[in-house]
Amino acid sequence: MKINLEEFLQKKFQFANFRPGQKEVISSVLAGVHTVAMLPTGTGKSLCYQFPGYLLEGQVIVVSPLLSLMQDQVEQLKIMGEKRVCAINSFLTPREKYAVLSRLDRYKFIYVSPEMLHGERVLNSLKKLSPALFVVDEAHCISQWGYDFRPEYMKLGRIRKELGNPLTLTLTATATRPVIDDIICSLHLEEWQEYIYSVDRPNISLAVEIFNDGNEKLKRLFELTHFLRGPGIIYFSSKKMAEETAVALKDRGMDGVEAYHAGMDQESRVLIQQQFIKGQLQCICATSAFGMGINKDNVRYVIHFHMPLQPESYLQEIGRAGRDGDESIAILLYSPGDDALLDQLIQSEYPDKEQLDAFIQFLMQNPGAAADLRSYGQEICQAAGLTETQWRVTGDFYESRDFPNLDRFIAEFTLFIDNRKQFKQEKLKQMKAYVYSKNCRRERLLEYFAEKGAIKNNRCCDLCGMTLEPFIGNNVPSNFHGKTTVFDWRSHLAAILLES
């Protein structure tokens, strides 16, 4: 059946044109070709499976790593009038889960978390279907060299095989060549088509400001949020810092600002997301938990109060800005004192020696746990003091290999942890190289992804002569000229205090 893709796009999705890469990826899927796609953040990757999903017979199974992202995409489809959509994740009560699984064939789009996919009941229900398309969203999670590695993702090749090796589409916004190769290998794709687009977003100007200490940096943040035209997002590596800064901004007279992080209850997070999307909030002080699935096209600035751990996540997060194509700015604030926090974050992802010893002790005292590890998950976490992330890594590593004895497990797992920490430290060095770069920042980021030919203009970055003037609002004191991204915050902070 020949179909005019532009006409269908307008009729079904009310879009006049495809964004870069969308039409090529959709055409590949409709031709029945396994497709690996890397499209820049903000280019509408969900359309790449929703569009062909309506034209193919059978269900579209979408593996998504974040519950909030999954829920957002389900709600967006429902708003479009699609009732045949469901999400299988831990938000479901046992009764709701039973109701969904008992009538799974009635749904067109089935979103499922990787953890749920490994459950026997869920997998058996999916195996009764004839899926038209198997989608792996945020596919960089598959690779152990991906910046957001999720051990559960590594098993998707086996899951795909049990589902009959359906037509497969993988989507990501940021992946190096080794990560892309890992994705292909893990999913056992024998023939595929790649669509790898530039990670560059030319309409987002880049800037870095370096401070002697955290106090200077915080004062500068207060200044920037006072002057910059919003809406905007401020990213922190600390939940506590995100909350405290939101309160401080309110105390300084800023309206429409709230904190957002994974430690908040789901209801509060959904409310804040919707308020921000609808323009009721102008600024979000957030951790990395905020962003994926947030369909807001007019974010004008993204400020990083803490430097991210790797270039991939930095590009993901600044990609929340300027989705409407208009000029936006990404500013990274750095002080040497940040390094200790970043190192602490790297260390905290994996169990230390005491926690690992406690894990082994539990297995020795509970022989049944070794054969059925997941059933003892809560008890193990309490006994060893493991966080959710530490338990996920530890449990999956233990289950993914057949160790002859616990000594062998300890040796291999310790080596794995050491390698991962070293890998993370190398990523951190790349970010610091970006901060202290002497040449174009855009070129530095593109070089990391083995790209050349940055699209430059007079608003490229602070090292290419970009100024803040185009991004400021109307509440600027007369002595502010915006000629440089690094200006005297003391005089302008005094002006703010006088005005308030």
Foldseek 3Di string as FASTA:
>chain_A
DDDDLQVLCCVQVVDNDAFPPQVVLLVCLLVLFQEEEAAAQLRDPVCSCVVVLVVFPWAEEEEDADPVLQVLVQVVVVVSVAPQEDEDDPVDDPVRNVVCLVPVRSHRYYYYYLVVCPDPSNLVSLLVTLHQEYEYEQLLLCDPLRPNPFLSNLCVLVSCVSSPVHRYYYYHHDDAPVSSVSSCVSNVRPGHYYHYDFNDQQLAFEEEDEDADLVVLLLVVLLCVVWFDFQEEEEEQDQVVLQVSQVVNVVLPDPQEHEDEPVDDPVVNVVNLVCVQVVVHRYYSYYLSPDNSSPHQAGAEYEYSAQDLFLRSVSSRRSSHHSVSHHHYYYYYDHPVSVVVSLVVLVLLEADPQLLVQLVVVCVVPVVCLVVVVVCQVVSCVRSVHDPSHSSVLVSLSVVDDDPDVVRVVVVVVVVSVVSSVSSVVRNVLRVCLNPPLAQSSQSSSVVSVDDDHDDDCRHYQNSQHWCVVGTDDPFDPPDDRRHPDDDSVVRSVVSVVVD
